[in-house]
Amino acid sequence: MPADPDRHRDSSSGTPRRRGEARKSFPLRLPHDLHEELRAWAEQEMRSLNSQIEYLLREAVRRRKGKS
């Protein structure tokens, strides 16, 4: 099956999404220690903190839905 030309991977999170897909911005309050853990993890994965959080949330949703 040919690749969908309107779909691409987010360059920082590696997450597939459609071109021009709307994104919702909102403030997220985290305890300082959790923020530092996520920041360090993102750095190890060579992602921005935002992309790391998005990646982790997508993985959690995927697992919750029972997909592998």
N, C-alpha and C. Protein backbone atom coordinates (compact mmCIF):
# COMPACT_ATOMS: atom_id res chain seq x y z
N MET A 1 0.85 -1.17 0.00
CA MET A 1 0.00 0.00 0.00
C MET A 1 0.89 1.24 0.00
N PRO A 2 0.68 2.20 -0.91
CA PRO A 2 1.53 3.38 -0.96
C PRO A 2 1.32 4.26 0.28
N ALA A 3 2.37 4.97 0.63
CA ALA A 3 2.29 5.87 1.78
C ALA A 3 1.33 7.02 1.48
N ASP A 4 0.64 7.47 2.49
CA ASP A 4 -0.27 8.61 2.38
C ASP A 4 0.58 9.87 2.28
N PRO A 5 0.50 10.62 1.17
CA PRO A 5 1.35 11.81 1.01
C PRO A 5 1.00 12.92 1.98
N ASP A 6 -0.19 12.87 2.58
CA ASP A 6 -0.58 13.89 3.54
C ASP A 6 -0.17 13.54 4.97
N ARG A 7 0.47 12.40 5.12
CA ARG A 7 0.89 11.97 6.44
C ARG A 7 2.41 12.05 6.54
N HIS A 8 2.90 12.48 7.65
CA HIS A 8 4.34 12.51 7.87
C HIS A 8 4.61 12.30 9.35
N ARG A 9 5.86 12.10 9.69
CA ARG A 9 6.24 11.93 11.09
C ARG A 9 6.69 13.26 11.64
N ASP A 10 6.21 13.57 12.82
CA ASP A 10 6.66 14.77 13.51
C ASP A 10 8.17 14.62 13.69
N SER A 11 8.92 15.60 13.27
CA SER A 11 10.38 15.47 13.26
C SER A 11 10.98 15.29 14.65
N SER A 12 10.34 15.80 15.66
CA SER A 12 10.94 15.68 16.98
C SER A 12 10.40 14.51 17.79
N SER A 13 9.13 14.15 17.60
CA SER A 13 8.59 13.05 18.41
C SER A 13 8.55 11.74 17.66
N GLY A 14 8.66 11.78 16.32
CA GLY A 14 8.56 10.56 15.53
C GLY A 14 7.13 10.07 15.40
N THR A 15 6.19 10.88 15.85
CA THR A 15 4.79 10.50 15.85
C THR A 15 4.15 10.79 14.50
N PRO A 16 3.45 9.81 13.90
CA PRO A 16 2.78 10.09 12.63
C PRO A 16 1.62 11.07 12.83
N ARG A 17 1.50 12.02 11.93
CA ARG A 17 0.35 12.93 11.95
C ARG A 17 0.13 13.51 10.57
N ARG A 18 -1.05 14.05 10.34
CA ARG A 18 -1.39 14.63 9.05
C ARG A 18 -0.83 16.05 8.95
N ARG A 19 -0.42 16.41 7.74
CA ARG A 19 0.06 17.78 7.51
C ARG A 19 -1.06 18.76 7.85
N GLY A 20 -0.71 19.83 8.50
CA GLY A 20 -1.68 20.85 8.84
C GLY A 20 -2.62 20.46 9.97
N GLU A 21 -2.36 19.31 10.60
CA GLU A 21 -3.21 18.86 11.70
C GLU A 21 -3.19 19.91 12.81
N ALA A 22 -4.38 20.28 13.26
CA ALA A 22 -4.47 21.29 14.32
C ALA A 22 -3.87 20.74 15.61
N ARG A 23 -3.22 21.60 16.32
CA ARG A 23 -2.62 21.21 17.59
C ARG A 23 -3.17 22.15 18.66
N LYS A 24 -3.45 21.61 19.80
CA LYS A 24 -4.01 22.37 20.91
C LYS A 24 -2.91 22.69 21.91
N SER A 25 -2.80 23.95 22.25
CA SER A 25 -1.82 24.39 23.23
C SER A 25 -2.52 24.63 24.57
N PHE A 26 -1.90 24.17 25.65
CA PHE A 26 -2.47 24.43 26.98
C PHE A 26 -1.35 24.37 28.01
N PRO A 27 -1.52 25.09 29.12
CA PRO A 27 -0.49 25.05 30.16
C PRO A 27 -0.54 23.72 30.91
N LEU A 28 0.61 23.23 31.27
CA LEU A 28 0.71 21.98 32.03
C LEU A 28 1.57 22.26 33.26
N ARG A 29 1.00 22.07 34.41
CA ARG A 29 1.74 22.30 35.65
C ARG A 29 2.25 20.97 36.17
N LEU A 30 3.55 20.91 36.39
CA LEU A 30 4.20 19.69 36.87
C LEU A 30 5.03 20.00 38.11
N PRO A 31 5.15 19.03 38.99
CA PRO A 31 6.10 19.22 40.09
C PRO A 31 7.52 19.35 39.50
N HIS A 32 8.34 20.13 40.16
CA HIS A 32 9.69 20.40 39.66
C HIS A 32 10.47 19.11 39.39
N ASP A 33 10.39 18.15 40.32
CA ASP A 33 11.17 16.92 40.14
C ASP A 33 10.72 16.13 38.91
N LEU A 34 9.42 16.08 38.65
CA LEU A 34 8.92 15.38 37.47
C LEU A 34 9.34 16.10 36.20
N HIS A 35 9.27 17.42 36.22
CA HIS A 35 9.71 18.22 35.07
C HIS A 35 11.17 17.92 34.74
N GLU A 36 12.01 17.87 35.76
CA GLU A 36 13.44 17.60 35.54
C GLU A 36 13.66 16.19 35.00
N GLU A 37 12.93 15.21 35.52
CA GLU A 37 13.04 13.83 35.01
C GLU A 37 12.65 13.76 33.54
N LEU A 38 11.55 14.40 33.19
CA LEU A 38 11.09 14.39 31.79
C LEU A 38 12.06 15.14 30.88
N ARG A 39 12.59 16.26 31.37
CA ARG A 39 13.55 17.03 30.58
C ARG A 39 14.79 16.20 30.29
N ALA A 40 15.31 15.51 31.31
CA ALA A 40 16.50 14.68 31.13
C ALA A 40 16.21 13.52 30.18
N TRP A 41 15.06 12.91 30.31
CA TRP A 41 14.66 11.80 29.44
C TRP A 41 14.55 12.29 28.00
N ALA A 42 13.93 13.44 27.81
CA ALA A 42 13.79 14.01 26.47
C ALA A 42 15.17 14.26 25.86
N GLU A 43 16.08 14.77 26.65
CA GLU A 43 17.44 15.03 26.17
C GLU A 43 18.11 13.73 25.73
N GLN A 44 17.95 12.66 26.50
CA GLN A 44 18.53 11.36 26.14
C GLN A 44 17.95 10.83 24.84
N GLU A 45 16.67 11.11 24.61
CA GLU A 45 15.98 10.64 23.40
C GLU A 45 16.14 11.63 22.24
N MET A 46 16.87 12.73 22.49
CA MET A 46 17.09 13.78 21.49
C MET A 46 15.76 14.33 20.97
N ARG A 47 14.86 14.61 21.91
CA ARG A 47 13.57 15.22 21.61
C ARG A 47 13.44 16.48 22.46
N SER A 48 12.54 17.36 22.03
CA SER A 48 12.19 18.48 22.88
C SER A 48 11.34 17.94 24.03
N LEU A 49 11.25 18.69 25.09
CA LEU A 49 10.41 18.27 26.22
C LEU A 49 8.97 18.10 25.76
N ASN A 50 8.47 19.04 24.98
CA ASN A 50 7.10 18.95 24.48
C ASN A 50 6.89 17.67 23.66
N SER A 51 7.81 17.37 22.77
CA SER A 51 7.69 16.17 21.94
C SER A 51 7.77 14.90 22.77
N GLN A 52 8.60 14.92 23.81
CA GLN A 52 8.71 13.75 24.68
C GLN A 52 7.39 13.51 25.41
N ILE A 53 6.80 14.56 25.93
CA ILE A 53 5.52 14.42 26.64
C ILE A 53 4.45 13.94 25.68
N GLU A 54 4.41 14.49 24.46
CA GLU A 54 3.43 14.05 23.46
C GLU A 54 3.64 12.57 23.14
N TYR A 55 4.88 12.16 22.95
CA TYR A 55 5.19 10.76 22.66
C TYR A 55 4.70 9.85 23.79
N LEU A 56 5.00 10.21 25.02
CA LEU A 56 4.59 9.39 26.17
C LEU A 56 3.07 9.32 26.29
N LEU A 57 2.40 10.42 26.05
CA LEU A 57 0.93 10.41 26.10
C LEU A 57 0.34 9.54 25.01
N ARG A 58 0.89 9.64 23.79
CA ARG A 58 0.39 8.80 22.69
C ARG A 58 0.61 7.31 22.99
N GLU A 59 1.76 6.97 23.56
CA GLU A 59 2.03 5.59 23.92
C GLU A 59 1.04 5.10 24.98
N ALA A 60 0.77 5.93 25.97
CA ALA A 60 -0.18 5.55 27.03
C ALA A 60 -1.58 5.34 26.45
N VAL A 61 -2.00 6.21 25.55
CA VAL A 61 -3.32 6.06 24.92
C VAL A 61 -3.36 4.80 24.07
N ARG A 62 -2.30 4.54 23.31
CA ARG A 62 -2.24 3.34 22.47
C ARG A 62 -2.35 2.09 23.34
N ARG A 63 -1.62 2.05 24.42
CA ARG A 63 -1.67 0.89 25.32
C ARG A 63 -3.04 0.73 25.97
N ARG A 64 -3.63 1.84 26.34
CA ARG A 64 -4.95 1.80 26.97
C ARG A 64 -5.98 1.23 26.02
N LYS A 65 -5.83 1.54 24.73
CA LYS A 65 -6.75 1.02 23.72
C LYS A 65 -6.48 -0.45 23.40
N GLY A 66 -5.37 -0.98 23.91
CA GLY A 66 -5.05 -2.38 23.69
C GLY A 66 -4.34 -2.67 22.40
N LYS A 67 -3.79 -1.64 21.77
CA LYS A 67 -3.03 -1.84 20.53
C LYS A 67 -1.59 -2.14 20.89
N SER A 68 -0.91 -2.85 19.99
CA SER A 68 0.50 -3.13 20.25
C SER A 68 1.40 -2.49 19.24
